[in-house]
């Protein structure tokens, strides 16, 4: 996300209206609801975590212990159990 100068992108009458409410301060304008992306969609973090979680579930099915999985993936034992429970729900 980058900042743009409102003077360069807004018509003068809109700029004057905005300045009535917030003069010289930063203003965040959220994306339209239909343009919003889900968490991890742009960086592919969601896909990487899903792949990792599938590997963890497959490892458990193949007899790898939960403490071993926790150490292998740098997670707590509790986090591995949560991942396994979530993967079983799906």
Protein backbone atom coordinates (compact mmCIF):
# COMPACT_ATOMS: atom_id res chain seq x y z
CA UNK A 1 0.00 0.00 0.00
CA UNK A 2 1.37 3.37 -0.96
CA UNK A 3 0.34 6.89 -0.20
CA UNK A 4 -0.97 9.20 -2.88
CA UNK A 5 -1.33 12.95 -2.69
CA UNK A 6 -5.07 13.66 -2.55
CA UNK A 7 -4.47 16.85 -4.53
CA UNK A 8 -3.30 14.69 -7.44
CA UNK A 9 -6.12 12.12 -7.43
CA UNK A 10 -9.27 13.84 -6.09
CA UNK A 11 -11.34 16.52 -7.75
CA UNK A 12 -11.03 19.89 -5.98
CA UNK A 13 -14.59 19.82 -4.59
CA UNK A 14 -14.05 16.34 -3.08
CA UNK A 15 -10.71 17.40 -1.61
CA UNK A 16 -12.32 20.46 0.01
CA UNK A 17 -15.08 18.27 1.47
CA UNK A 18 -12.55 15.83 2.94
CA UNK A 19 -10.49 18.70 4.37
CA UNK A 20 -13.58 19.83 6.31
CA UNK A 21 -13.38 16.60 8.32
CA UNK A 22 -9.67 15.80 8.40
CA UNK A 23 -7.22 18.52 7.46
CA UNK A 24 -3.58 17.58 6.97
CA UNK A 25 -3.81 14.14 8.60
CA UNK A 26 -3.54 10.63 7.17
CA UNK A 27 -6.76 9.00 6.04
CA UNK A 28 -7.13 5.31 5.23
CA UNK A 29 -9.66 4.52 2.52
CA UNK A 30 -10.58 0.82 2.62
CA UNK A 31 -10.99 -1.29 -0.48
CA UNK A 32 -14.45 -1.99 -1.85
CA UNK A 33 -15.83 -5.21 -0.37
CA UNK A 34 -15.90 -6.93 -3.77
CA UNK A 35 -12.21 -6.06 -4.33
CA UNK A 36 -10.92 -7.35 -1.01
CA UNK A 37 -8.60 -10.34 -0.93
CA UNK A 38 -8.63 -12.98 1.75
CA UNK A 39 -5.72 -13.31 4.13
CA UNK A 40 -2.69 -14.81 2.41
CA UNK A 41 -4.20 -14.65 -1.07
CA UNK A 42 -1.69 -12.18 -2.51
CA UNK A 43 1.42 -13.71 -0.91
CA UNK A 44 0.34 -17.35 -1.22
CA UNK A 45 0.84 -17.83 2.54
CA UNK A 46 -2.50 -19.60 2.75
CA UNK A 47 -1.45 -22.20 0.16
CA UNK A 48 1.93 -22.77 1.82
CA UNK A 49 0.30 -23.31 5.24
CA UNK A 50 -2.28 -25.68 3.77
CA UNK A 51 0.49 -27.70 2.10
CA UNK A 52 2.46 -27.78 5.37
CA UNK A 53 -0.62 -28.89 7.31
CA UNK A 54 -1.29 -31.65 4.79
CA UNK A 55 2.31 -32.83 5.20
CA UNK A 56 1.85 -32.87 8.99
CA UNK A 57 -1.37 -34.91 8.69
CA UNK A 58 0.28 -37.34 6.24
CA UNK A 59 3.26 -37.70 8.55
CA UNK A 60 1.00 -38.53 11.47
CA UNK A 61 -0.88 -41.12 9.38
CA UNK A 62 2.49 -42.66 8.52
CA UNK A 63 3.35 -43.10 12.20
CA UNK A 64 5.43 -40.00 12.96
CA UNK A 65 4.83 -38.94 16.57
CA UNK A 66 3.37 -35.55 17.44
CA UNK A 67 6.52 -34.42 19.29
CA UNK A 68 8.62 -35.35 16.23
CA UNK A 69 6.29 -33.38 13.96
CA UNK A 70 6.44 -30.41 16.32
CA UNK A 71 10.22 -30.44 16.22
CA UNK A 72 10.39 -30.96 12.47
CA UNK A 73 8.06 -28.02 11.71
CA UNK A 74 9.19 -25.76 14.57
CA UNK A 75 5.75 -25.83 16.22
CA UNK A 76 4.52 -26.58 19.70
CA UNK A 77 2.93 -29.96 20.39
CA UNK A 78 -0.35 -28.16 21.06
CA UNK A 79 -0.18 -26.44 17.65
CA UNK A 80 0.35 -29.79 15.92
CA UNK A 81 -2.68 -31.25 17.69
CA UNK A 82 -4.76 -28.24 16.55
CA UNK A 83 -3.60 -28.70 12.96
CA UNK A 84 -4.40 -32.43 13.07
CA UNK A 85 -7.87 -31.75 14.48
CA UNK A 86 -8.55 -29.16 11.78
CA UNK A 87 -7.35 -31.49 9.02
CA UNK A 88 -9.60 -34.27 10.35
CA UNK A 89 -12.61 -31.93 10.16
CA UNK A 90 -11.96 -31.31 6.46
